């Protein structure tokens, strides 16, 4: 008695895997989407809730009203995406003083950029969806 077997679709599977290895080297689209998402989140949700979205409500201070009134810091979030990274930052010169962990006397800390668990999960889901798309296109 002789036993023989064959795998259907082996050639197609091999091509798909080979194509996938090339496509996973460039994540520009996904990093761009993540950058846009975080930029909008920091600009809108964080400012609308005054940090409460992180459970870190901003405290008042002598210049608190100016923080929201001018909108300069709120509108200074930018991102830069490439094939292997995304950078999100705020270009307002005084942003670093609000975000910093350094000891302070006058200006209270007001967190505006933070990756909490919910944001991390949203970003992971974007990468998972793109990986599935790349596999299906492979």
Protein backbone atom coordinates (compact mmCIF):
# COMPACT_ATOMS: atom_id res chain seq x y z
CA UNK A 1 0.00 0.00 0.00
CA UNK A 2 1.29 3.41 -0.96
CA UNK A 3 0.14 6.71 0.52
CA UNK A 4 0.38 9.94 -1.44
CA UNK A 5 -0.75 13.45 -0.63
CA UNK A 6 -0.48 16.92 -2.04
CA UNK A 7 -1.17 20.39 -0.73
CA UNK A 8 -3.56 22.43 -2.80
CA UNK A 9 -2.65 26.08 -3.17
CA UNK A 10 0.96 25.63 -2.06
CA UNK A 11 2.28 27.84 -4.87
CA UNK A 12 -0.29 30.57 -4.14
CA UNK A 13 0.48 30.43 -0.42
CA UNK A 14 4.20 30.72 -1.10
CA UNK A 15 3.63 33.77 -3.33
CA UNK A 16 1.38 35.37 -0.76
CA UNK A 17 3.94 34.92 2.02
CA UNK A 18 6.77 36.21 -0.20
CA UNK A 19 4.71 39.29 -1.10
CA UNK A 20 3.86 39.87 2.54
CA UNK A 21 7.51 40.02 3.58
CA UNK A 22 8.10 42.95 1.21
CA UNK A 23 4.93 44.83 2.15
CA UNK A 24 5.53 44.76 5.92
CA UNK A 25 8.68 46.83 5.50
CA UNK A 26 6.67 50.00 4.84
CA UNK A 27 4.01 51.10 7.31
CA UNK A 28 3.74 54.73 6.10
CA UNK A 29 -0.04 54.56 5.66
CA UNK A 30 -0.67 53.10 9.09
CA UNK A 31 1.76 55.48 10.81
CA UNK A 32 0.07 58.40 9.01
CA UNK A 33 -3.33 57.24 10.26
CA UNK A 34 -1.96 56.88 13.80
CA UNK A 35 -0.44 60.37 13.62
CA UNK A 36 -3.72 61.91 12.44
CA UNK A 37 -5.63 60.02 15.12
CA UNK A 38 -3.34 61.13 17.96
CA UNK A 39 -3.14 64.71 16.69
CA UNK A 40 -6.94 64.94 16.69
CA UNK A 41 -7.25 63.20 20.04
CA UNK A 42 -4.74 65.48 21.79
CA UNK A 43 -6.16 68.60 20.14
CA UNK A 44 -9.81 67.81 20.77
CA UNK A 45 -10.58 65.23 23.45
CA UNK A 46 -7.79 66.20 25.84
CA UNK A 47 -8.53 69.92 25.64
CA UNK A 48 -12.31 69.50 25.78
CA UNK A 49 -12.02 67.41 28.96
CA UNK A 50 -9.06 69.43 30.29
CA UNK A 51 -7.07 66.27 30.88
CA UNK A 52 -9.92 64.31 32.45
CA UNK A 53 -9.78 61.79 29.61
CA UNK A 54 -6.54 60.59 31.28
CA UNK A 55 -8.05 60.92 34.77
CA UNK A 56 -5.63 63.79 35.36
CA UNK A 57 -7.81 66.91 35.43
CA UNK A 58 -5.83 70.09 34.87
CA UNK A 59 -5.49 72.32 37.88
CA UNK A 60 -6.01 76.05 37.71
CA UNK A 61 -3.35 78.69 37.97
CA UNK A 62 -2.70 82.35 37.16
CA UNK A 63 -2.55 81.76 33.38
CA UNK A 64 -5.11 78.98 33.15
CA UNK A 65 -7.66 80.94 31.12
CA UNK A 66 -5.01 81.95 28.60
CA UNK A 67 -4.16 78.27 28.07
CA UNK A 68 -7.58 77.68 26.53
CA UNK A 69 -8.42 81.18 25.28
CA UNK A 70 -5.76 81.68 22.62
CA UNK A 71 -5.91 78.14 21.22
CA UNK A 72 -2.24 78.35 20.26
CA UNK A 73 -1.13 75.27 22.16
CA UNK A 74 -4.25 73.35 21.18
CA UNK A 75 -3.59 74.00 17.49
CA UNK A 76 0.16 73.30 17.65
CA UNK A 77 0.01 69.50 17.62
CA UNK A 78 1.76 68.07 14.57
CA UNK A 79 2.86 64.66 13.40
CA UNK A 80 5.44 63.29 11.00
CA UNK A 81 5.08 59.77 9.63
CA UNK A 82 7.46 57.54 7.70
CA UNK A 83 7.68 53.86 6.86
CA UNK A 84 8.91 52.84 10.30
CA UNK A 85 7.78 55.53 12.77
CA UNK A 86 5.40 58.31 13.65
CA UNK A 87 6.32 61.32 15.75
CA UNK A 88 3.65 63.44 17.39
CA UNK A 89 4.66 66.66 19.12
CA UNK A 90 3.51 70.14 20.01
CA UNK A 91 5.37 73.11 18.57
CA UNK A 92 4.21 75.71 21.10
CA UNK A 93 7.38 76.86 22.88
CA UNK A 94 5.79 76.62 26.34
CA UNK A 95 4.28 73.15 25.83
CA UNK A 96 7.26 71.43 27.45
CA UNK A 97 6.67 73.32 30.70
CA UNK A 98 3.12 72.01 31.03
CA UNK A 99 4.03 68.41 30.15
CA UNK A 100 7.29 68.21 32.11
CA UNK A 101 7.79 66.14 35.26
CA UNK A 102 10.34 68.62 36.64
CA UNK A 103 9.66 70.20 40.04
CA UNK A 104 7.61 73.37 39.74
CA UNK A 105 6.64 76.39 41.79
CA UNK A 106 4.28 78.46 39.66
CA UNK A 107 3.06 76.53 36.64
CA UNK A 108 1.14 73.34 37.45
CA UNK A 109 1.59 70.23 35.34
CA UNK A 110 -1.11 69.76 32.70
CA UNK A 111 -0.73 66.53 30.78
CA UNK A 112 -1.76 66.88 27.16
CA UNK A 113 0.04 63.96 25.54
CA UNK A 114 -0.16 60.49 27.00
CA UNK A 115 -0.77 57.03 25.60
CA UNK A 116 -3.25 55.38 27.90
CA UNK A 117 -4.43 51.81 27.44
CA UNK A 118 -7.39 52.80 25.27
CA UNK A 119 -5.16 54.70 22.80
CA UNK A 120 -2.64 51.84 22.73
CA UNK A 121 -5.40 49.36 21.87
CA UNK A 122 -6.73 51.62 19.11
CA UNK A 123 -3.25 51.86 17.57
CA UNK A 124 -2.70 48.10 17.81
CA UNK A 125 -6.02 47.49 16.05
CA UNK A 126 -4.95 49.78 13.20
CA UNK A 127 -1.76 47.75 12.71
CA UNK A 128 -3.67 44.47 12.91
CA UNK A 129 -6.16 45.63 10.27
CA UNK A 130 -3.35 46.75 7.97
CA UNK A 131 -1.51 43.45 8.43
CA UNK A 132 -4.65 41.57 7.42
CA UNK A 133 -5.03 43.85 4.37
CA UNK A 134 -1.40 43.27 3.40
CA UNK A 135 -1.83 39.50 3.77
CA UNK A 136 -4.95 39.50 1.62
CA UNK A 137 -3.23 41.60 -1.07
CA UNK A 138 -0.01 39.55 -0.85
